[in-house]
Amino acid sequence: MDTVSPVIINLIIFVLAIYVGYHVVWTVTPALHTPLMAVTNAISAIVIVGAMLAAALTETVLGKSMGLLAVALAAVNVFGGFLVTRRMLEMFRKKDNKKSATGGK
C-alpha cells in the first residue's frame, strides 16, 4: 500500500478548513458579527507571528517568499478587520453621538 503524500493531506485539510469556515461565518447572526470580527482580528495577529517565525526558520527562497506573503496577507486581514469593525460600531451609535464625533456636521 502506498503512503499518501503529506502535500495531499495538507491540501485536504486546507480545503476542509475553507468549507467549515465558510459555513461557520454564514450561520452567525448579525448581532454577533462585531464580536466575531474582534476575535478574528486577534487570531490573525497570532497568524502574523506564526508566519514571521515560519519565514525566519526556513532556508529556501521559496519558503521565505511564502512566509513574506503570509505575513502580508495576514496584516491586510488584521487592518481590514479593524476597519470593518470600526465601521460596524459606528452604525450602532446614536445620531447625536455621530454629530459630536464628526465635529458638529
PDB file of N, CA and C in Angstrom:
ATOM      1  N   MET A   1       0.848  -1.183   0.000  1.00  0.00           N
ATOM      2  CA  MET A   1       0.000   0.000   0.000  1.00  0.00           C
ATOM      3  C   MET A   1       0.886   1.236   0.000  1.00  0.00           C
ATOM      4  N   ASP A   2       0.605   2.132  -0.912  1.00  0.00           N
ATOM      5  CA  ASP A   2       1.380   3.363  -0.997  1.00  0.00           C
ATOM      6  C   ASP A   2       0.958   4.340   0.087  1.00  0.00           C
ATOM      7  N   THR A   3       1.929   5.078   0.586  1.00  0.00           N
ATOM      8  CA  THR A   3       1.603   6.106   1.573  1.00  0.00           C
ATOM      9  C   THR A   3       1.123   7.358   0.856  1.00  0.00           C
ATOM     10  N   VAL A   4       0.273   8.101   1.520  1.00  0.00           N
ATOM     11  CA  VAL A   4      -0.276   9.318   0.942  1.00  0.00           C
ATOM     12  C   VAL A   4       0.721  10.442   1.179  1.00  0.00           C
ATOM     13  N   SER A   5       0.923  11.243   0.165  1.00  0.00           N
ATOM     14  CA  SER A   5       1.868  12.351   0.236  1.00  0.00           C
ATOM     15  C   SER A   5       1.397  13.382   1.274  1.00  0.00           C
ATOM     16  N   PRO A   6       2.317  13.940   2.053  1.00  0.00           N
ATOM     17  CA  PRO A   6       1.932  14.983   3.016  1.00  0.00           C
ATOM     18  C   PRO A   6       1.329  16.214   2.350  1.00  0.00           C
ATOM     19  N   VAL A   7       1.720  16.477   1.105  1.00  0.00           N
ATOM     20  CA  VAL A   7       1.147  17.614   0.379  1.00  0.00           C
ATOM     21  C   VAL A   7      -0.347  17.394   0.152  1.00  0.00           C
ATOM     22  N   ILE A   8      -0.722  16.188  -0.202  1.00  0.00           N
ATOM     23  CA  ILE A   8      -2.143  15.870  -0.423  1.00  0.00           C
ATOM     24  C   ILE A   8      -2.917  15.977   0.884  1.00  0.00           C
ATOM     25  N   ILE A   9      -2.346  15.494   1.967  1.00  0.00           N
ATOM     26  CA  ILE A   9      -3.009  15.582   3.274  1.00  0.00           C
ATOM     27  C   ILE A   9      -3.199  17.044   3.681  1.00  0.00           C
ATOM     28  N   ASN A  10      -2.156  17.857   3.493  1.00  0.00           N
ATOM     29  CA  ASN A  10      -2.276  19.282   3.821  1.00  0.00           C
ATOM     30  C   ASN A  10      -3.294  19.978   2.933  1.00  0.00           C
ATOM     31  N   LEU A  11      -3.363  19.609   1.666  1.00  0.00           N
ATOM     32  CA  LEU A  11      -4.347  20.193   0.754  1.00  0.00           C
ATOM     33  C   LEU A  11      -5.769  19.820   1.175  1.00  0.00           C
ATOM     34  N   ILE A  12      -5.979  18.584   1.586  1.00  0.00           N
ATOM     35  CA  ILE A  12      -7.301  18.154   2.057  1.00  0.00           C
ATOM     36  C   ILE A  12      -7.693  18.927   3.319  1.00  0.00           C
ATOM     37  N   ILE A  13      -6.768  19.095   4.238  1.00  0.00           N
ATOM     38  CA  ILE A  13      -7.048  19.861   5.463  1.00  0.00           C
ATOM     39  C   ILE A  13      -7.381  21.302   5.117  1.00  0.00           C
ATOM     40  N   PHE A  14      -6.646  21.882   4.180  1.00  0.00           N
ATOM     41  CA  PHE A  14      -6.887  23.267   3.764  1.00  0.00           C
ATOM     42  C   PHE A  14      -8.281  23.426   3.165  1.00  0.00           C
ATOM     43  N   VAL A  15      -8.662  22.518   2.282  1.00  0.00           N
ATOM     44  CA  VAL A  15      -9.987  22.594   1.651  1.00  0.00           C
ATOM     45  C   VAL A  15     -11.088  22.401   2.691  1.00  0.00           C
ATOM     46  N   LEU A  16     -10.913  21.473   3.613  1.00  0.00           N
ATOM     47  CA  LEU A  16     -11.914  21.272   4.665  1.00  0.00           C
ATOM     48  C   LEU A  16     -12.012  22.500   5.578  1.00  0.00           C
ATOM     49  N   ALA A  17     -10.885  23.152   5.869  1.00  0.00           N
ATOM     50  CA  ALA A  17     -10.916  24.358   6.695  1.00  0.00           C
ATOM     51  C   ALA A  17     -11.670  25.475   5.996  1.00  0.00           C
ATOM     52  N   ILE A  18     -11.493  25.602   4.695  1.00  0.00           N
ATOM     53  CA  ILE A  18     -12.251  26.613   3.938  1.00  0.00           C
ATOM     54  C   ILE A  18     -13.740  26.306   3.995  1.00  0.00           C
ATOM     55  N   TYR A  19     -14.102  25.052   3.794  1.00  0.00           N
ATOM     56  CA  TYR A  19     -15.511  24.651   3.807  1.00  0.00           C
ATOM     57  C   TYR A  19     -16.149  24.914   5.172  1.00  0.00           C
ATOM     58  N   VAL A  20     -15.494  24.479   6.228  1.00  0.00           N
ATOM     59  CA  VAL A  20     -16.037  24.673   7.578  1.00  0.00           C
ATOM     60  C   VAL A  20     -16.089  26.156   7.933  1.00  0.00           C
ATOM     61  N   GLY A  21     -15.034  26.888   7.603  1.00  0.00           N
ATOM     62  CA  GLY A  21     -15.017  28.322   7.888  1.00  0.00           C
ATOM     63  C   GLY A  21     -16.131  29.069   7.179  1.00  0.00           C
ATOM     64  N   TYR A  22     -16.386  28.721   5.933  1.00  0.00           N
ATOM     65  CA  TYR A  22     -17.456  29.352   5.173  1.00  0.00           C
ATOM     66  C   TYR A  22     -18.807  29.124   5.848  1.00  0.00           C
ATOM     67  N   HIS A  23     -19.080  27.906   6.245  1.00  0.00           N
ATOM     68  CA  HIS A  23     -20.370  27.603   6.867  1.00  0.00           C
ATOM     69  C   HIS A  23     -20.490  28.199   8.269  1.00  0.00           C
ATOM     70  N   VAL A  24     -19.402  28.278   8.995  1.00  0.00           N
ATOM     71  CA  VAL A  24     -19.454  28.872  10.333  1.00  0.00           C
ATOM     72  C   VAL A  24     -19.748  30.364  10.237  1.00  0.00           C
ATOM     73  N   VAL A  25     -19.080  31.059   9.328  1.00  0.00           N
ATOM     74  CA  VAL A  25     -19.265  32.507   9.211  1.00  0.00           C
ATOM     75  C   VAL A  25     -20.662  32.850   8.716  1.00  0.00           C
ATOM     76  N   TRP A  26     -21.200  32.101   7.769  1.00  0.00           N
ATOM     77  CA  TRP A  26     -22.508  32.436   7.222  1.00  0.00           C
ATOM     78  C   TRP A  26     -23.660  32.069   8.139  1.00  0.00           C
ATOM     79  N   THR A  27     -23.428  31.289   9.205  1.00  0.00           N
ATOM     80  CA  THR A  27     -24.513  30.972  10.128  1.00  0.00           C
ATOM     81  C   THR A  27     -24.516  31.864  11.370  1.00  0.00           C
ATOM     82  N   VAL A  28     -23.619  32.819  11.431  1.00  0.00           N
ATOM     83  CA  VAL A  28     -23.568  33.738  12.579  1.00  0.00           C
ATOM     84  C   VAL A  28     -24.673  34.774  12.431  1.00  0.00           C
ATOM     85  N   THR A  29     -25.388  35.036  13.529  1.00  0.00           N
ATOM     86  CA  THR A  29     -26.432  36.060  13.498  1.00  0.00           C
ATOM     87  C   THR A  29     -25.795  37.441  13.389  1.00  0.00           C
ATOM     88  N   PRO A  30     -26.494  38.420  12.822  1.00  0.00           N
ATOM     89  CA  PRO A  30     -25.912  39.757  12.644  1.00  0.00           C
ATOM     90  C   PRO A  30     -25.466  40.422  13.956  1.00  0.00           C
ATOM     91  N   ALA A  31     -26.122  40.097  15.064  1.00  0.00           N
ATOM     92  CA  ALA A  31     -25.745  40.718  16.342  1.00  0.00           C
ATOM     93  C   ALA A  31     -24.368  40.267  16.820  1.00  0.00           C
ATOM     94  N   LEU A  32     -23.906  39.128  16.332  1.00  0.00           N
ATOM     95  CA  LEU A  32     -22.619  38.596  16.778  1.00  0.00           C
ATOM     96  C   LEU A  32     -21.467  38.903  15.820  1.00  0.00           C
ATOM     97  N   HIS A  33     -21.724  39.632  14.744  1.00  0.00           N
ATOM     98  CA  HIS A  33     -20.652  39.882  13.776  1.00  0.00           C
ATOM     99  C   HIS A  33     -19.520  40.727  14.359  1.00  0.00           C
ATOM    100  N   THR A  34     -19.833  41.745  15.164  1.00  0.00           N
ATOM    101  CA  THR A  34     -18.778  42.601  15.721  1.00  0.00           C
ATOM    102  C   THR A  34     -17.883  41.832  16.688  1.00  0.00           C
ATOM    103  N   PRO A  35     -18.429  41.066  17.646  1.00  0.00           N
ATOM    104  CA  PRO A  35     -17.521  40.264  18.485  1.00  0.00           C
ATOM    105  C   PRO A  35     -16.747  39.221  17.685  1.00  0.00           C
ATOM    106  N   LEU A  36     -17.376  38.653  16.664  1.00  0.00           N
ATOM    107  CA  LEU A  36     -16.683  37.681  15.834  1.00  0.00           C
ATOM    108  C   LEU A  36     -15.519  38.329  15.102  1.00  0.00           C
ATOM    109  N   MET A  37     -15.711  39.553  14.617  1.00  0.00           N
ATOM    110  CA  MET A  37     -14.632  40.260  13.933  1.00  0.00           C
ATOM    111  C   MET A  37     -13.490  40.564  14.893  1.00  0.00           C
ATOM    112  N   ALA A  38     -13.806  40.912  16.136  1.00  0.00           N
ATOM    113  CA  ALA A  38     -12.756  41.189  17.107  1.00  0.00           C
ATOM    114  C   ALA A  38     -11.920  39.940  17.380  1.00  0.00           C
ATOM    115  N   VAL A  39     -12.568  38.799  17.505  1.00  0.00           N
ATOM    116  CA  VAL A  39     -11.843  37.547  17.730  1.00  0.00           C
ATOM    117  C   VAL A  39     -11.030  37.181  16.494  1.00  0.00           C
ATOM    118  N   THR A  40     -11.602  37.402  15.315  1.00  0.00           N
ATOM    119  CA  THR A  40     -10.883  37.114  14.077  1.00  0.00           C
ATOM    120  C   THR A  40      -9.634  37.974  13.954  1.00  0.00           C
ATOM    121  N   ASN A  41      -9.721  39.238  14.361  1.00  0.00           N
ATOM    122  CA  ASN A  41      -8.542  40.105  14.330  1.00  0.00           C
ATOM    123  C   ASN A  41      -7.462  39.589  15.266  1.00  0.00           C
ATOM    124  N   ALA A  42      -7.849  39.110  16.426  1.00  0.00           N
ATOM    125  CA  ALA A  42      -6.864  38.571  17.370  1.00  0.00           C
ATOM    126  C   ALA A  42      -6.208  37.312  16.815  1.00  0.00           C
ATOM    127  N   ILE A  43      -7.001  36.457  16.179  1.00  0.00           N
ATOM    128  CA  ILE A  43      -6.439  35.241  15.586  1.00  0.00           C
ATOM    129  C   ILE A  43      -5.494  35.591  14.444  1.00  0.00           C
ATOM    130  N   SER A  44      -5.861  36.589  13.644  1.00  0.00           N
ATOM    131  CA  SER A  44      -4.997  36.995  12.541  1.00  0.00           C
ATOM    132  C   SER A  44      -3.686  37.577  13.053  1.00  0.00           C
ATOM    133  N   ALA A  45      -3.722  38.241  14.182  1.00  0.00           N
ATOM    134  CA  ALA A  45      -2.479  38.755  14.766  1.00  0.00           C
ATOM    135  C   ALA A  45      -1.574  37.597  15.178  1.00  0.00           C
ATOM    136  N   ILE A  46      -2.152  36.520  15.678  1.00  0.00           N
ATOM    137  CA  ILE A  46      -1.362  35.335  16.022  1.00  0.00           C
ATOM    138  C   ILE A  46      -0.801  34.697  14.755  1.00  0.00           C
ATOM    139  N   VAL A  47      -1.579  34.720  13.678  1.00  0.00           N
ATOM    140  CA  VAL A  47      -1.112  34.177  12.402  1.00  0.00           C
ATOM    141  C   VAL A  47       0.099  34.968  11.900  1.00  0.00           C
ATOM    142  N   ILE A  48       0.105  36.283  12.110  1.00  0.00           N
ATOM    143  CA  ILE A  48       1.254  37.094  11.696  1.00  0.00           C
ATOM    144  C   ILE A  48       2.515  36.636  12.428  1.00  0.00           C
ATOM    145  N   VAL A  49       2.406  36.409  13.718  1.00  0.00           N
ATOM    146  CA  VAL A  49       3.573  35.953  14.492  1.00  0.00           C
ATOM    147  C   VAL A  49       4.034  34.583  13.992  1.00  0.00           C
ATOM    148  N   GLY A  50       3.106  33.682  13.756  1.00  0.00           N
ATOM    149  CA  GLY A  50       3.459  32.359  13.244  1.00  0.00           C
ATOM    150  C   GLY A  50       4.097  32.430  11.862  1.00  0.00           C
ATOM    151  N   ALA A  51       3.583  33.320  11.010  1.00  0.00           N
ATOM    152  CA  ALA A  51       4.159  33.466   9.667  1.00  0.00           C
ATOM    153  C   ALA A  51       5.568  34.040   9.737  1.00  0.00           C
ATOM    154  N   MET A  52       5.793  34.965  10.656  1.00  0.00           N
ATOM    155  CA  MET A  52       7.145  35.511  10.815  1.00  0.00           C
ATOM    156  C   MET A  52       8.117  34.429  11.290  1.00  0.00           C
ATOM    157  N   LEU A  53       7.659  33.609  12.230  1.00  0.00           N
ATOM    158  CA  LEU A  53       8.515  32.513  12.703  1.00  0.00           C
ATOM    159  C   LEU A  53       8.793  31.511  11.590  1.00  0.00           C
ATOM    160  N   ALA A  54       7.776  31.173  10.821  1.00  0.00           N
ATOM    161  CA  ALA A  54       7.959  30.221   9.728  1.00  0.00           C
ATOM    162  C   ALA A  54       8.909  30.777   8.674  1.00  0.00           C
ATOM    163  N   ALA A  55       8.782  32.070   8.367  1.00  0.00           N
ATOM    164  CA  ALA A  55       9.666  32.678   7.370  1.00  0.00           C
ATOM    165  C   ALA A  55      11.097  32.745   7.877  1.00  0.00           C
ATOM    166  N   ALA A  56      11.261  32.982   9.167  1.00  0.00           N
ATOM    167  CA  ALA A  56      12.610  33.086   9.722  1.00  0.00           C
ATOM    168  C   ALA A  56      13.300  31.734   9.813  1.00  0.00           C
ATOM    169  N   LEU A  57      12.544  30.676   9.993  1.00  0.00           N
ATOM    170  CA  LEU A  57      13.142  29.355  10.193  1.00  0.00           C
ATOM    171  C   LEU A  57      13.403  28.586   8.900  1.00  0.00           C
ATOM    172  N   THR A  58      12.887  29.081   7.774  1.00  0.00           N
ATOM    173  CA  THR A  58      13.123  28.373   6.513  1.00  0.00           C
ATOM    174  C   THR A  58      14.467  28.770   5.931  1.00  0.00           C
ATOM    175  N   GLU A  59      15.002  27.899   5.086  1.00  0.00           N
ATOM    176  CA  GLU A  59      16.307  28.157   4.479  1.00  0.00           C
ATOM    177  C   GLU A  59      16.216  28.391   2.977  1.00  0.00           C
ATOM    178  N   THR A  60      15.078  28.060   2.377  1.00  0.00           N
ATOM    179  CA  THR A  60      14.952  28.217   0.932  1.00  0.00           C
ATOM    180  C   THR A  60      14.328  29.559   0.588  1.00  0.00           C
ATOM    181  N   VAL A  61      14.561  29.983  -0.627  1.00  0.00           N
ATOM    182  CA  VAL A  61      13.988  31.244  -1.099  1.00  0.00           C
ATOM    183  C   VAL A  61      12.471  31.118  -1.203  1.00  0.00           C
ATOM    184  N   LEU A  62      11.989  29.967  -1.652  1.00  0.00           N
ATOM    185  CA  LEU A  62      10.544  29.748  -1.759  1.00  0.00           C
ATOM    186  C   LEU A  62       9.882  29.837  -0.390  1.00  0.00           C
ATOM    187  N   GLY A  63      10.494  29.229   0.616  1.00  0.00           N
ATOM    188  CA  GLY A  63       9.937  29.276   1.965  1.00  0.00           C
ATOM    189  C   GLY A  63       9.891  30.685   2.523  1.00  0.00           C
ATOM    190  N   LYS A  64      10.948  31.443   2.299  1.00  0.00           N
ATOM    191  CA  LYS A  64      10.977  32.827   2.791  1.00  0.00           C
ATOM    192  C   LYS A  64       9.957  33.694   2.054  1.00  0.00           C
ATOM    193  N   SER A  65       9.808  33.480   0.746  1.00  0.00           N
ATOM    194  CA  SER A  65       8.835  34.277  -0.005  1.00  0.00           C
ATOM    195  C   SER A  65       7.403  33.907   0.391  1.00  0.00           C
ATOM    196  N   MET A  66       7.150  32.625   0.641  1.00  0.00           N
ATOM    197  CA  MET A  66       5.813  32.232   1.095  1.00  0.00           C
ATOM    198  C   MET A  66       5.532  32.777   2.490  1.00  0.00           C
ATOM    199  N   GLY A  67       6.546  32.802   3.343  1.00  0.00           N
ATOM    200  CA  GLY A  67       6.393  33.406   4.671  1.00  0.00           C
ATOM    201  C   GLY A  67       6.102  34.886   4.586  1.00  0.00           C
ATOM    202  N   LEU A  68       6.799  35.575   3.683  1.00  0.00           N
ATOM    203  CA  LEU A  68       6.550  37.006   3.489  1.00  0.00           C
ATOM    204  C   LEU A  68       5.137  37.244   2.969  1.00  0.00           C
ATOM    205  N   LEU A  69       4.699  36.401   2.044  1.00  0.00           N
ATOM    206  CA  LEU A  69       3.332  36.512   1.532  1.00  0.00           C
ATOM    207  C   LEU A  69       2.307  36.274   2.638  1.00  0.00           C
ATOM    208  N   ALA A  70       2.568  35.296   3.505  1.00  0.00           N
ATOM    209  CA  ALA A  70       1.653  35.006   4.610  1.00  0.00           C
ATOM    210  C   ALA A  70       1.585  36.180   5.582  1.00  0.00           C
ATOM    211  N   VAL A  71       2.731  36.793   5.865  1.00  0.00           N
ATOM    212  CA  VAL A  71       2.744  37.963   6.760  1.00  0.00           C
ATOM    213  C   VAL A  71       1.958  39.108   6.130  1.00  0.00           C
ATOM    214  N   ALA A  72       2.164  39.355   4.848  1.00  0.00           N
ATOM    215  CA  ALA A  72       1.463  40.456   4.172  1.00  0.00           C
ATOM    216  C   ALA A  72      -0.048  40.231   4.149  1.00  0.00           C
ATOM    217  N   LEU A  73      -0.473  39.025   3.811  1.00  0.00           N
ATOM    218  CA  LEU A  73      -1.914  38.752   3.746  1.00  0.00           C
ATOM    219  C   LEU A  73      -2.569  38.802   5.128  1.00  0.00           C
ATOM    220  N   ALA A  74      -1.878  38.301   6.142  1.00  0.00           N
ATOM    221  CA  ALA A  74      -2.429  38.368   7.498  1.00  0.00           C
ATOM    222  C   ALA A  74      -2.502  39.817   7.978  1.00  0.00           C
ATOM    223  N   ALA A  75      -1.516  40.636   7.613  1.00  0.00           N
ATOM    224  CA  ALA A  75      -1.549  42.054   8.005  1.00  0.00           C
ATOM    225  C   ALA A  75      -2.717  42.779   7.337  1.00  0.00           C
ATOM    226  N   VAL A  76      -2.941  42.493   6.062  1.00  0.00           N
ATOM    227  CA  VAL A  76      -4.095  43.085   5.370  1.00  0.00           C
ATOM    228  C   VAL A  76      -5.388  42.648   6.054  1.00  0.00           C
ATOM    229  N   ASN A  77      -5.457  41.388   6.461  1.00  0.00           N
ATOM    230  CA  ASN A  77      -6.644  40.872   7.141  1.00  0.00           C
ATOM    231  C   ASN A  77      -6.870  41.575   8.476  1.00  0.00           C
ATOM    232  N   VAL A  78      -5.807  41.794   9.236  1.00  0.00           N
ATOM    233  CA  VAL A  78      -5.946  42.460  10.539  1.00  0.00           C
ATOM    234  C   VAL A  78      -6.416  43.898  10.358  1.00  0.00           C
ATOM    235  N   PHE A  79      -5.729  44.653   9.499  1.00  0.00           N
ATOM    236  CA  PHE A  79      -6.090  46.060   9.337  1.00  0.00           C
ATOM    237  C   PHE A  79      -7.469  46.224   8.709  1.00  0.00           C
ATOM    238  N   GLY A  80      -7.795  45.377   7.735  1.00  0.00           N
ATOM    239  CA  GLY A  80      -9.134  45.422   7.146  1.00  0.00           C
ATOM    240  C   GLY A  80     -10.203  45.041   8.153  1.00  0.00           C
ATOM    241  N   GLY A  81      -9.904  44.077   9.010  1.00  0.00           N
ATOM    242  CA  GLY A  81     -10.861  43.673  10.042  1.00  0.00           C
ATOM    243  C   GLY A  81     -11.128  44.779  11.037  1.00  0.00           C
ATOM    244  N   PHE A  82     -10.073  45.509  11.418  1.00  0.00           N
ATOM    245  CA  PHE A  82     -10.279  46.631  12.333  1.00  0.00           C
ATOM    246  C   PHE A  82     -11.102  47.736  11.678  1.00  0.00           C
ATOM    247  N   LEU A  83     -10.891  47.975  10.398  1.00  0.00           N
ATOM    248  CA  LEU A  83     -11.684  48.995   9.700  1.00  0.00           C
ATOM    249  C   LEU A  83     -13.153  48.586   9.614  1.00  0.00           C
ATOM    250  N   VAL A  84     -13.406  47.324   9.314  1.00  0.00           N
ATOM    251  CA  VAL A  84     -14.791  46.845   9.226  1.00  0.00           C
ATOM    252  C   VAL A  84     -15.458  46.892  10.598  1.00  0.00           C
ATOM    253  N   THR A  85     -14.728  46.483  11.644  1.00  0.00           N
ATOM    254  CA  THR A  85     -15.287  46.519  12.994  1.00  0.00           C
ATOM    255  C   THR A  85     -15.616  47.949  13.396  1.00  0.00           C
ATOM    256  N   ARG A  86     -14.719  48.874  13.098  1.00  0.00           N
ATOM    257  CA  ARG A  86     -14.969  50.284  13.436  1.00  0.00           C
ATOM    258  C   ARG A  86     -16.209  50.810  12.708  1.00  0.00           C
ATOM    259  N   ARG A  87     -16.329  50.467  11.446  1.00  0.00           N
ATOM    260  CA  ARG A  87     -17.483  50.927  10.679  1.00  0.00           C
ATOM    261  C   ARG A  87     -18.786  50.317  11.209  1.00  0.00           C
ATOM    262  N   MET A  88     -18.731  49.050  11.595  1.00  0.00           N
ATOM    263  CA  MET A  88     -19.932  48.417  12.146  1.00  0.00           C
ATOM    264  C   MET A  88     -20.320  49.045  13.481  1.00  0.00           C
ATOM    265  N   LEU A  89     -19.336  49.380  14.309  1.00  0.00           N
ATOM    266  CA  LEU A  89     -19.641  50.014  15.586  1.00  0.00           C
ATOM    267  C   LEU A  89     -20.211  51.407  15.390  1.00  0.00           C
ATOM    268  N   GLU A  90     -19.771  52.114  14.358  1.00  0.00           N
ATOM    269  CA  GLU A  90     -20.333  53.437  14.067  1.00  0.00           C
ATOM    270  C   GLU A  90     -21.795  53.341  13.644  1.00  0.00           C
ATOM    271  N   MET A  91     -22.196  52.229  13.065  1.00  0.00           N
ATOM    272  CA  MET A  91     -23.591  52.054  12.665  1.00  0.00           C
ATOM    273  C   MET A  91     -24.512  51.962  13.875  1.00  0.00           C
ATOM    274  N   PHE A  92     -23.987  51.522  15.032  1.00  0.00           N
ATOM    275  CA  PHE A  92     -24.815  51.356  16.220  1.00  0.00           C
ATOM    276  C   PHE A  92     -24.865  52.604  17.095  1.00  0.00           C
ATOM    277  N   ARG A  93     -24.115  53.641  16.758  1.00  0.00           N
ATOM    278  CA  ARG A  93     -24.135  54.869  17.551  1.00  0.00           C
ATOM    279  C   ARG A  93     -25.417  55.637  17.304  1.00  0.00           C
ATOM    280  N   LYS A  94     -25.802  56.419  18.321  1.00  0.00           N
ATOM    281  CA  LYS A  94     -26.974  57.276  18.164  1.00  0.00           C
ATOM    282  C   LYS A  94     -26.616  58.449  17.261  1.00  0.00           C
ATOM    283  N   LYS A  95     -27.620  59.102  16.707  1.00  0.00           N
ATOM    284  CA  LYS A  95     -27.394  60.194  15.758  1.00  0.00           C
ATOM    285  C   LYS A  95     -26.631  61.352  16.394  1.00  0.00           C
ATOM    286  N   ASP A  96     -26.954  61.750  17.658  1.00  0.00           N
ATOM    287  CA  ASP A  96     -26.262  62.884  18.279  1.00  0.00           C
ATOM    288  C   ASP A  96     -24.806  62.550  18.584  1.00  0.00           C
ATOM    289  N   ASN A  97     -24.485  61.290  18.854  1.00  0.00           N
ATOM    290  CA  ASN A  97     -23.087  60.905  19.078  1.00  0.00           C
ATOM    291  C   ASN A  97     -22.279  60.993  17.791  1.00  0.00           C
ATOM    292  N   LYS A  98     -22.919  60.727  16.648  1.00  0.00           N
ATOM    293  CA  LYS A  98     -22.222  60.824  15.371  1.00  0.00           C
ATOM    294  C   LYS A  98     -21.893  62.282  15.057  1.00  0.00           C
ATOM    295  N   LYS A  99     -22.825  63.202  15.354  1.00  0.00           N
ATOM    296  CA  LYS A  99     -22.576  64.613  15.079  1.00  0.00           C
ATOM    297  C   LYS A  99     -21.438  65.160  15.917  1.00  0.00           C
ATOM    298  N   SER A 100     -21.395  64.808  17.200  1.00  0.00           N
ATOM    299  CA  SER A 100     -20.330  65.307  18.067  1.00  0.00           C
ATOM    300  C   SER A 100     -18.990  64.688  17.699  1.00  0.00           C
ATOM    301  N   ALA A 101     -18.983  63.450  17.208  1.00  0.00           N
ATOM    302  CA  ALA A 101     -17.732  62.784  16.837  1.00  0.00           C
ATOM    303  C   ALA A 101     -17.155  63.363  15.560  1.00  0.00           C
ATOM    304  N   THR A 102     -18.020  63.874  14.662  1.00  0.00           N
ATOM    305  CA  THR A 102     -17.537  64.426  13.393  1.00  0.00           C
ATOM    306  C   THR A 102     -17.334  65.927  13.462  1.00  0.00           C
ATOM    307  N   GLY A 103     -17.462  66.524  14.612  1.00  0.00           N
ATOM    308  CA  GLY A 103     -17.230  67.953  14.742  1.00  0.00           C
ATOM    309  C   GLY A 103     -18.465  68.803  14.505  1.00  0.00           C
ATOM    310  N   GLY A 104     -19.660  68.252  14.700  1.00  0.00           N
ATOM    311  CA  GLY A 104     -20.896  69.012  14.607  1.00  0.00           C
ATOM    312  C   GLY A 104     -21.457  69.131  13.215  1.00  0.00           C
ATOM    313  N   LYS A 105     -21.015  68.314  12.283  1.00  0.00           N
ATOM    314  CA  LYS A 105     -21.539  68.380  10.915  1.00  0.00           C
ATOM    315  C   LYS A 105     -22.862  67.708  10.814  1.00  0.00           C
TER     316      LYS A 105
END
